[in-house]
Amino acid sequence: MVFTGANENEAKFNADELFYSKTDFRGIIQSGNSVFVRVSEYPEEELLKRPHNVIRHPDMPRAVFALFWDFLKNQKVVAAYVKNKSKMGKYYWVFAMAFPMSDGYLSIRLKPSSPLFAQVKKVYEKMSAIEIETSAMEASSQYLHRTLAEELGFASYEEFMRGALEAELRSRDLALGVQDKGLQVKWIADEVLRNVTYASQNCMDSVRTGFEVSSQFLVNMDGLLSQSQHIMKTCESVKMVTTNLTVASAKLGEPGKPLGVVAANLDKLTGEIAQCTKDLDEALKSFRQSAEDMCFTFGSSRFQIEMMDHLIRERVLQAGDLGAQSQTDSEKLIFLERLALLNILIVQNFKKVQETSLALTSSSRSLLHTCKRLSQTTAGMDVIRVVGKIEMARVDEVTGVLASRLKDVEDLTQAFKDSLRVLETDCRQGITNSLRVEQMTADVSNVLGTINSLIVV
């Protein structure tokens, strides 16, 4: 099956356009913005109260929708690439995120453009072919999860969603550039529209910065994991040196007994270091999970807040001249109702952002504490090494092998120190950034409260 056949035309929309639709729990459309109406090519009155699958394209694998609805019915946020069909038979691709609400679901869509999108289209083609051949979704679903893991490098669909959201937001930013400075708020004559526009733009600036900072945590994970792995390998090397030191001391007989004690102490310390290293590994896993959750929730909030800002821009453009007053009370009421709907979703999701922000700070502190404990434990190697040198100086029969083993201990001690120094520095920077994210979440929360007070209908 080919997704973009020569007999099809694309229902086009621009990279800077976003659209949303709200449904009840059965998937019946309750509202949507003007971009959704335009791209779907249905009159608004014809879209309302119809099932959302009215725009479903037959090329789409059924297994994707089954997965999509499974997430929503379990009250989980879900994201997917979706090919839709307009009333006139045109196709259009979207990257869609759907969010559970108290009375249904709200989906926000953007125009996908990342390299990941091109890969997913090929996966969908194969899934559709499997579904045609087998008339079942199970094999198609298995192919999706297997391909995401083995070819695209995502251990789960949740991990794929995080990667796709970040990829699409960054690709969209690249396509739009940095020239967008927002609307000239001071020229908007309608007071409510002017104030809500100003608040929305402040909110969007903060959430974009927060998204960048939270994304940096994942970028830094490679360095943290590299240092952690180096520490673990060093620990294994210390174990090997300890064994060799014990053997070399035993060969000296009675004169080598003091060095044997040194080796035994080093062996005991190595066990403590090994336990600390396991604790470090667990702390890193917890930190990584917190960083991933933070990035996803902040990315989701950024997506929602940009949708709100886009809705406000639509309203300004509908009013014509930026200096014009709102057109009618009815139009103003519809606008405020839609804005209130998005604001409810944003506030609801932003509570999760604040929770994950606090969790990230906590896991950052825990990681630093584990590093410090490992550093303190490792410091004992210096003492043992010095004692070993003293004992070695007292033994006339010291061999080159024995001296070499103690030199190995010295080198490994330094390797521990170097890795832990880098890791501690990164952890301290992580705490600074996580506290910065906490402050930004507080700023955004305050602005959302302001917006809510402006749009009470």
Protein backbone atom coordinates (compact mmCIF):
# COMPACT_ATOMS: atom_id res chain seq x y z
CA MET A 1 0.00 0.00 0.00
CA VAL A 2 1.35 3.44 -0.96
CA PHE A 3 0.46 6.34 1.31
CA THR A 4 0.81 9.21 -1.14
CA GLY A 5 -0.56 7.93 -4.41
CA ALA A 6 -0.60 9.93 -7.61
CA ASN A 7 -4.43 10.11 -7.60
CA GLU A 8 -4.56 11.82 -4.21
CA ASN A 9 -4.28 15.48 -3.39
CA GLU A 10 -3.04 16.75 -0.09
CA ALA A 11 -5.17 18.98 2.13
CA LYS A 12 -2.41 21.41 2.95
CA PHE A 13 -1.81 23.46 6.06
CA ASN A 14 1.24 25.36 7.24
CA ALA A 15 3.89 24.43 9.79
CA ASP A 16 2.86 27.35 12.01
CA GLU A 17 -0.77 26.19 12.17
CA LEU A 18 -2.10 24.05 15.00
CA PHE A 19 -5.56 22.63 15.41
CA TYR A 20 -7.58 20.89 18.05
CA SER A 21 -10.83 18.97 18.42
CA LYS A 22 -12.76 18.02 21.53
CA THR A 23 -14.88 14.85 21.72
CA ASP A 24 -16.96 13.09 24.32
CA PHE A 25 -15.93 9.66 25.59
CA ARG A 26 -17.53 8.01 22.54
CA GLY A 27 -15.43 10.08 20.14
CA ILE A 28 -18.27 12.39 19.06
CA ILE A 29 -16.93 15.79 18.01
CA GLN A 30 -18.04 18.65 20.24
CA SER A 31 -15.83 21.51 19.08
CA GLY A 32 -12.75 22.45 17.08
CA ASN A 33 -10.91 25.51 15.82
CA SER A 34 -11.05 27.09 12.38
CA VAL A 35 -7.92 25.32 11.08
CA PHE A 36 -9.49 21.94 11.84
CA VAL A 37 -12.65 22.94 10.02
CA ARG A 38 -10.73 24.26 7.01
CA VAL A 39 -8.37 21.30 6.61
CA SER A 40 -11.12 18.70 7.08
CA GLU A 41 -13.18 20.48 4.39
CA TYR A 42 -16.38 19.90 6.37
CA PRO A 43 -18.68 22.77 7.32
CA GLU A 44 -18.47 23.25 11.08
CA GLU A 45 -22.12 22.37 11.60
CA GLU A 46 -21.54 19.13 9.70
CA LEU A 47 -18.52 18.16 11.81
CA LEU A 48 -20.19 18.70 15.17
CA LYS A 49 -21.93 15.71 16.71
CA ARG A 50 -20.30 13.32 14.24
CA PRO A 51 -17.83 10.55 15.17
CA HIS A 52 -14.21 11.64 14.91
CA ASN A 53 -13.53 8.70 12.60
CA VAL A 54 -15.37 10.62 9.89
CA ILE A 55 -11.89 11.91 8.94
CA ARG A 56 -10.14 8.53 9.27
CA HIS A 57 -8.10 7.57 6.22
CA PRO A 58 -8.37 3.94 5.04
CA ASP A 59 -4.57 3.75 4.72
CA MET A 60 -4.16 3.98 8.50
CA PRO A 61 -3.36 0.71 10.31
CA ARG A 62 -6.21 -0.25 12.62
CA ALA A 63 -3.70 -1.37 15.26
CA VAL A 64 -2.57 2.25 15.74
CA PHE A 65 -6.11 3.38 16.58
CA ALA A 66 -6.59 0.39 18.87
CA LEU A 67 -3.43 1.43 20.72
CA PHE A 68 -4.54 5.07 20.72
CA TRP A 69 -7.91 4.28 22.32
CA ASP A 70 -6.39 1.83 24.78
CA PHE A 71 -4.26 4.65 26.20
CA LEU A 72 -7.19 7.06 26.40
CA LYS A 73 -9.56 4.59 28.04
CA ASN A 74 -6.90 4.05 30.70
CA GLN A 75 -6.76 7.83 31.27
CA LYS A 76 -3.31 8.15 29.73
CA VAL A 77 -1.98 10.83 27.39
CA VAL A 78 -1.25 9.38 23.96
CA ALA A 79 0.53 10.57 20.83
CA ALA A 80 0.70 9.15 17.31
CA TYR A 81 1.28 10.00 13.69
CA VAL A 82 -2.07 9.89 11.89
CA LYS A 83 -3.11 10.11 8.27
CA ASN A 84 -6.54 11.70 7.89
CA LYS A 85 -8.96 12.20 5.01
CA SER A 86 -10.91 15.36 4.23
CA LYS A 87 -14.52 15.45 3.01
CA MET A 88 -13.28 15.92 -0.57
CA GLY A 89 -11.04 12.85 -0.32
CA LYS A 90 -7.76 14.68 0.23
CA TYR A 91 -5.22 13.34 2.73
CA TYR A 92 -3.26 15.12 5.42
CA TRP A 93 -0.77 13.88 8.00
CA VAL A 94 -0.68 15.10 11.58
CA PHE A 95 1.25 14.41 14.74
CA ALA A 96 -1.58 14.16 17.26
CA MET A 97 -1.57 14.22 21.04
CA ALA A 98 -4.80 13.36 22.85
CA PHE A 99 -5.48 14.19 26.48
CA PRO A 100 -8.15 12.70 28.75
CA MET A 101 -10.46 15.26 30.37
CA SER A 102 -13.29 14.94 32.85
CA ASP A 103 -15.93 14.85 30.10
CA GLY A 104 -14.07 13.44 27.10
CA TYR A 105 -10.86 13.87 25.16
CA LEU A 106 -9.05 16.79 23.55
CA SER A 107 -6.62 16.25 20.69
CA ILE A 108 -4.05 18.78 19.45
CA ARG A 109 -2.31 18.33 16.08
CA LEU A 110 0.65 19.80 14.24
CA LYS A 111 2.18 19.25 10.81
CA PRO A 112 4.86 16.53 11.19
CA SER A 113 8.24 17.16 9.59
CA SER A 114 10.92 15.29 11.54
CA PRO A 115 13.09 12.47 10.12
CA LEU A 116 11.26 10.14 12.51
CA PHE A 117 8.00 10.85 10.67
CA ALA A 118 9.45 9.50 7.41
CA GLN A 119 10.47 6.31 9.21
CA VAL A 120 7.06 5.85 10.80
CA LYS A 121 5.29 6.15 7.44
CA LYS A 122 7.24 3.12 6.20
CA VAL A 123 6.30 1.20 9.35
CA TYR A 124 2.62 2.04 8.79
CA GLU A 125 2.79 0.78 5.21
CA LYS A 126 4.03 -2.59 6.41
CA MET A 127 1.42 -2.70 9.19
CA SER A 128 -1.38 -2.03 6.71
CA ALA A 129 -0.08 -4.77 4.43
CA ILE A 130 -0.02 -7.20 7.38
CA GLU A 131 -3.59 -6.31 8.31
CA ILE A 132 -4.77 -6.87 4.74
CA GLU A 133 -3.01 -10.23 4.55
CA THR A 134 -4.07 -11.56 7.97
CA SER A 135 -7.33 -9.67 8.62
CA ALA A 136 -6.11 -9.30 12.21
CA MET A 137 -4.52 -6.52 14.22
CA GLU A 138 -2.39 -8.63 16.56
CA ALA A 139 0.38 -9.35 14.04
CA SER A 140 0.35 -5.69 12.97
CA SER A 141 0.66 -4.52 16.57
CA GLN A 142 3.51 -6.94 17.25
CA TYR A 143 5.33 -5.67 14.16
CA LEU A 144 4.94 -2.08 15.38
CA HIS A 145 6.44 -2.75 18.82
CA ARG A 146 9.19 -4.95 17.41
CA THR A 147 10.19 -2.35 14.82
CA LEU A 148 10.12 0.50 17.34
CA ALA A 149 12.53 -1.48 19.53
CA GLU A 150 14.83 -3.16 17.02
CA GLU A 151 15.02 -0.56 14.24
CA LEU A 152 14.10 2.78 15.80
CA GLY A 153 15.62 2.19 19.24
CA PHE A 154 12.55 2.76 21.45
CA ALA A 155 12.09 0.24 24.25
CA SER A 156 8.36 0.97 24.54
CA TYR A 157 5.58 2.94 22.88
CA GLU A 158 5.76 5.43 25.77
CA GLU A 159 9.43 6.02 25.00
CA PHE A 160 8.55 6.43 21.32
CA MET A 161 5.94 9.07 22.18
CA ARG A 162 8.50 11.07 24.18
CA GLY A 163 11.00 10.89 21.34
CA ALA A 164 8.42 11.79 18.70
CA LEU A 165 7.09 14.79 20.65
CA GLU A 166 10.56 16.24 21.14
CA ALA A 167 11.54 15.51 17.52
CA GLU A 168 8.44 17.22 16.11
CA LEU A 169 8.65 20.29 18.34
CA ARG A 170 12.30 20.77 17.43
CA SER A 171 11.66 20.19 13.73
CA ARG A 172 8.80 22.69 13.83
CA ASP A 173 11.01 25.25 15.57
CA LEU A 174 13.63 24.78 12.88
CA ALA A 175 11.05 25.21 10.11
CA LEU A 176 9.59 28.37 11.63
CA GLY A 177 12.88 29.92 12.69
CA VAL A 178 13.27 32.35 15.56
CA GLN A 179 11.84 35.39 13.83
CA ASP A 180 8.40 35.07 15.44
CA LYS A 181 8.18 37.73 18.13
CA GLY A 182 4.45 37.38 18.69
CA LEU A 183 1.64 39.82 18.07
CA GLN A 184 1.96 43.54 18.69
CA VAL A 185 -0.19 43.35 21.79
CA LYS A 186 -0.42 47.09 22.44
CA TRP A 187 -2.35 47.62 19.20
CA ILE A 188 -5.16 45.18 20.12
CA ALA A 189 -8.10 47.38 21.06
CA ASP A 190 -10.32 44.80 22.76
CA GLU A 191 -9.18 44.82 26.41
CA VAL A 192 -9.87 41.16 27.18
CA LEU A 193 -8.23 40.00 23.96
CA ARG A 194 -5.24 42.29 24.54
CA ASN A 195 -4.70 41.12 28.12
CA VAL A 196 -5.12 37.45 27.37
CA THR A 197 -2.73 37.74 24.41
CA TYR A 198 -0.09 39.36 26.58
CA ALA A 199 -0.48 36.70 29.29
CA SER A 200 -0.41 33.88 26.75
CA GLN A 201 2.82 35.11 25.15
CA ASN A 202 4.52 35.39 28.54
CA CYS A 203 3.35 31.91 29.37
CA MET A 204 4.63 30.54 26.06
CA ASP A 205 8.06 32.14 26.50
CA SER A 206 8.43 30.54 29.94
CA VAL A 207 7.26 27.09 28.88
CA ARG A 208 9.54 27.07 25.84
CA THR A 209 12.53 27.88 28.06
CA GLY A 210 11.41 25.22 30.53
CA PHE A 211 11.20 22.67 27.74
CA GLU A 212 14.74 23.49 26.62
CA VAL A 213 16.14 23.17 30.13
CA SER A 214 14.29 19.91 30.81
CA SER A 215 15.43 18.49 27.47
CA GLN A 216 19.02 19.23 28.43
CA PHE A 217 18.76 16.73 31.27
CA LEU A 218 18.30 13.95 28.72
CA VAL A 219 21.21 15.26 26.65
CA ASN A 220 23.40 15.15 29.78
CA MET A 221 22.37 11.57 30.53
CA ASP A 222 24.99 10.20 28.13
CA GLY A 223 27.76 11.85 30.16
CA LEU A 224 26.32 10.66 33.47
CA LEU A 225 25.94 7.10 32.20
CA SER A 226 29.47 7.16 30.77
CA GLN A 227 30.95 8.18 34.12
CA SER A 228 28.83 5.62 35.94
CA GLN A 229 29.98 2.84 33.63
CA HIS A 230 33.59 3.94 34.10
CA ILE A 231 33.15 3.75 37.87
CA MET A 232 31.67 0.25 37.60
CA LYS A 233 34.56 -0.95 35.42
CA THR A 234 37.05 0.57 37.85
CA CYS A 235 35.34 -1.32 40.68
CA GLU A 236 35.73 -4.58 38.76
CA SER A 237 39.41 -3.79 38.16
CA VAL A 238 39.93 -3.17 41.88
CA LYS A 239 38.49 -6.61 42.63
CA MET A 240 40.94 -8.20 40.22
CA VAL A 241 43.90 -6.28 41.67
CA THR A 242 42.84 -7.26 45.20
CA THR A 243 42.84 -10.93 44.24
CA ASN A 244 46.27 -10.65 42.64
CA LEU A 245 47.63 -8.74 45.65
CA THR A 246 46.39 -11.49 47.98
CA VAL A 247 48.08 -14.20 45.89
CA ALA A 248 51.36 -12.24 45.63
CA SER A 249 51.41 -11.61 49.41
CA ALA A 250 50.75 -15.28 50.19
CA LYS A 251 53.76 -16.33 48.12
CA LEU A 252 56.01 -14.36 50.46
CA GLY A 253 54.95 -16.50 53.39
CA GLU A 254 55.33 -14.98 56.87
CA PRO A 255 56.89 -11.69 55.67
CA GLY A 256 53.94 -11.15 53.36
CA LYS A 257 51.24 -11.49 56.03
CA PRO A 258 50.99 -7.73 56.76
CA LEU A 259 50.45 -7.15 53.05
CA GLY A 260 47.87 -9.91 53.14
CA VAL A 261 46.00 -7.90 55.78
CA VAL A 262 46.21 -4.88 53.48
CA ALA A 263 44.75 -6.99 50.67
CA ALA A 264 41.95 -8.24 52.98
CA ASN A 265 41.08 -4.67 54.00
CA LEU A 266 41.09 -3.64 50.38
CA ASP A 267 38.82 -6.58 49.53
CA LYS A 268 36.36 -5.50 52.25
CA LEU A 269 36.43 -1.92 51.02
CA THR A 270 35.90 -3.11 47.46
CA GLY A 271 32.72 -4.84 48.58
CA GLU A 272 31.46 -1.59 50.10
CA ILE A 273 32.36 0.29 46.91
CA ALA A 274 30.52 -2.33 44.85
CA GLN A 275 27.37 -1.80 46.93
CA CYS A 276 27.68 1.96 46.57
CA THR A 277 28.11 1.49 42.84
CA LYS A 278 24.86 -0.52 42.70
CA ASP A 279 23.15 2.27 44.63
CA LEU A 280 24.57 4.74 42.10
CA ASP A 281 23.13 2.70 39.26
CA GLU A 282 19.68 2.72 40.91
CA ALA A 283 19.92 6.47 41.57
CA LEU A 284 20.80 7.04 37.91
CA LYS A 285 17.80 4.98 36.77
CA SER A 286 15.54 7.02 39.03
CA PHE A 287 17.09 10.25 37.76
CA ARG A 288 16.67 9.19 34.14
CA GLN A 289 13.00 8.32 34.69
CA SER A 290 12.41 11.68 36.36
CA ALA A 291 14.19 13.49 33.52
CA GLU A 292 12.14 11.66 30.88
CA ASP A 293 8.87 12.37 32.71
CA MET A 294 9.85 16.02 33.12
CA CYS A 295 10.70 16.43 29.44
CA PHE A 296 7.48 14.76 28.28
CA THR A 297 5.16 16.68 30.60
CA PHE A 298 6.87 19.98 29.79
CA GLY A 299 6.73 19.19 26.07
CA SER A 300 3.03 18.34 26.36
CA SER A 301 2.37 21.60 28.19
CA ARG A 302 4.31 23.55 25.62
CA PHE A 303 2.18 21.94 22.88
CA GLN A 304 -1.04 22.86 24.73
CA ILE A 305 0.03 26.42 25.48
CA GLU A 306 1.08 26.99 21.87
CA MET A 307 -2.36 25.74 20.84
CA MET A 308 -3.91 28.31 23.16
CA ASP A 309 -1.71 31.05 21.71
CA HIS A 310 -2.64 29.94 18.19
CA LEU A 311 -6.33 30.11 19.07
CA ILE A 312 -5.83 33.66 20.33
CA ARG A 313 -4.05 34.61 17.09
CA GLU A 314 -6.94 33.15 15.10
CA ARG A 315 -9.30 35.37 17.06
CA VAL A 316 -7.18 38.47 16.44
CA LEU A 317 -7.04 37.74 12.72
CA GLN A 318 -10.79 37.13 12.58
CA ALA A 319 -11.27 40.58 14.11
CA GLY A 320 -9.48 42.01 11.08
CA ASP A 321 -7.43 45.06 11.96
CA LEU A 322 -5.50 44.54 15.20
CA GLY A 323 -7.04 47.74 16.45
CA ALA A 324 -10.59 46.51 15.92
CA GLN A 325 -12.94 45.64 18.74
CA SER A 326 -14.32 42.08 18.96
CA GLN A 327 -16.98 41.57 16.34
CA THR A 328 -20.03 40.32 18.24
CA ASP A 329 -20.91 39.18 21.73
CA SER A 330 -21.74 35.74 20.35
CA GLU A 331 -18.36 35.35 18.65
CA LYS A 332 -16.59 36.60 21.75
CA LEU A 333 -18.47 34.09 23.90
CA ILE A 334 -17.52 31.17 21.61
CA PHE A 335 -13.90 32.30 21.67
CA LEU A 336 -13.83 32.51 25.46
CA GLU A 337 -15.50 29.10 25.79
CA ARG A 338 -12.85 27.52 23.57
CA LEU A 339 -10.08 29.32 25.41
CA ALA A 340 -11.51 28.18 28.74
CA LEU A 341 -11.59 24.58 27.48
CA LEU A 342 -7.91 24.69 26.57
CA ASN A 343 -7.03 26.45 29.80
CA ILE A 344 -8.71 23.68 31.83
CA LEU A 345 -6.59 21.12 30.01
CA ILE A 346 -3.40 23.17 30.42
CA VAL A 347 -3.93 23.70 34.15
CA GLN A 348 -4.75 20.00 34.57
CA ASN A 349 -1.58 18.93 32.77
CA PHE A 350 0.58 21.55 34.42
CA LYS A 351 -0.04 19.99 37.80
CA LYS A 352 1.84 16.98 36.44
CA VAL A 353 4.64 19.29 35.28
CA GLN A 354 4.98 20.64 38.80
CA GLU A 355 4.96 17.12 40.26
CA THR A 356 7.63 15.88 37.86
CA SER A 357 9.67 19.03 38.48
CA LEU A 358 9.76 18.30 42.21
CA ALA A 359 10.57 14.64 41.52
CA LEU A 360 13.45 15.68 39.28
CA THR A 361 14.93 17.90 41.99
CA SER A 362 14.57 15.09 44.51
CA SER A 363 16.22 12.50 42.27
CA SER A 364 19.02 14.99 41.45
CA ARG A 365 19.73 15.44 45.14
CA SER A 366 19.58 11.68 45.72
CA LEU A 367 22.08 11.12 42.91
CA LEU A 368 24.46 13.69 44.37
CA HIS A 369 24.13 12.13 47.84
CA THR A 370 24.99 8.70 46.40
CA CYS A 371 28.02 10.17 44.62
CA LYS A 372 29.25 11.75 47.85
CA ARG A 373 28.85 8.49 49.75
CA LEU A 374 30.76 6.63 47.05
CA SER A 375 33.46 9.31 47.15
CA GLN A 376 33.80 8.97 50.92
CA THR A 377 34.02 5.19 50.68
CA THR A 378 36.58 5.38 47.89
CA ALA A 379 38.73 7.72 50.00
CA GLY A 380 39.52 4.69 52.16
CA MET A 381 41.55 3.30 49.28
CA ASP A 382 44.09 6.08 49.81
CA VAL A 383 44.63 5.00 53.41
CA ILE A 384 44.99 1.34 52.45
CA ARG A 385 47.41 2.24 49.66
CA VAL A 386 49.63 4.26 52.04
CA VAL A 387 49.62 1.43 54.61
CA GLY A 388 50.49 -0.98 51.83
CA LYS A 389 53.50 1.12 50.82
CA ILE A 390 54.72 1.23 54.43
CA GLU A 391 54.40 -2.54 54.83
CA MET A 392 56.02 -3.13 51.47
CA ALA A 393 59.05 -1.03 52.55
CA ARG A 394 59.53 -3.36 55.54
CA VAL A 395 59.67 -6.52 53.46
CA ASP A 396 63.00 -7.30 51.85
CA GLU A 397 61.48 -9.94 49.60
CA VAL A 398 59.12 -7.54 47.84
CA THR A 399 58.77 -8.48 44.19
CA GLY A 400 58.15 -6.33 41.17
CA VAL A 401 54.74 -7.98 40.84
CA LEU A 402 53.74 -6.90 44.35
CA ALA A 403 54.93 -3.34 43.77
CA SER A 404 53.03 -3.33 40.51
CA ARG A 405 49.82 -4.40 42.27
CA LEU A 406 50.06 -1.51 44.72
CA LYS A 407 50.73 0.86 41.83
CA ASP A 408 47.56 -0.50 40.20
CA VAL A 409 45.64 0.37 43.38
CA GLU A 410 47.03 3.91 43.22
CA ASP A 411 46.03 4.30 39.56
CA LEU A 412 42.55 2.91 40.18
CA THR A 413 42.04 5.20 43.18
CA GLN A 414 42.83 8.16 40.97
CA ALA A 415 40.46 6.86 38.29
CA PHE A 416 37.67 6.70 40.89
CA LYS A 417 38.41 10.25 41.99
CA ASP A 418 38.41 11.60 38.44
CA SER A 419 35.10 9.94 37.51
CA LEU A 420 33.40 10.94 40.75
CA ARG A 421 34.61 14.54 40.41
CA VAL A 422 32.98 14.83 36.98
CA LEU A 423 29.84 13.06 38.18
CA GLU A 424 29.48 15.30 41.23
CA THR A 425 29.96 18.43 39.11
CA ASP A 426 27.24 17.26 36.70
CA CYS A 427 24.93 16.44 39.62
CA ARG A 428 25.37 19.90 41.14
CA GLN A 429 24.60 21.48 37.78
CA GLY A 430 21.57 19.22 37.51
CA ILE A 431 20.25 20.44 40.86
CA THR A 432 20.75 24.06 39.77
CA ASN A 433 18.82 23.43 36.56
CA SER A 434 16.06 21.47 38.28
CA LEU A 435 15.56 24.34 40.74
CA ARG A 436 15.44 26.68 37.75
CA VAL A 437 12.74 24.49 36.20
CA GLU A 438 10.80 24.60 39.47
CA GLN A 439 10.86 28.40 39.36
CA MET A 440 9.68 28.43 35.75
CA THR A 441 6.80 26.08 36.57
CA ALA A 442 5.78 28.46 39.35
CA ASP A 443 5.92 31.40 36.90
CA VAL A 444 3.81 29.58 34.32
CA SER A 445 1.32 28.50 36.98
CA ASN A 446 0.87 32.12 38.05
CA VAL A 447 0.28 33.24 34.45
CA LEU A 448 -2.26 30.45 33.94
CA GLY A 449 -4.12 31.75 36.96
CA THR A 450 -4.15 35.20 35.41
CA ILE A 451 -5.48 33.83 32.12
CA ASN A 452 -8.20 31.94 33.96
CA SER A 453 -9.37 35.13 35.66
CA LEU A 454 -9.53 36.87 32.27
CA ILE A 455 -11.59 34.26 30.45
CA VAL A 456 -14.27 33.40 32.99
CA VAL A 457 -17.48 33.06 30.98
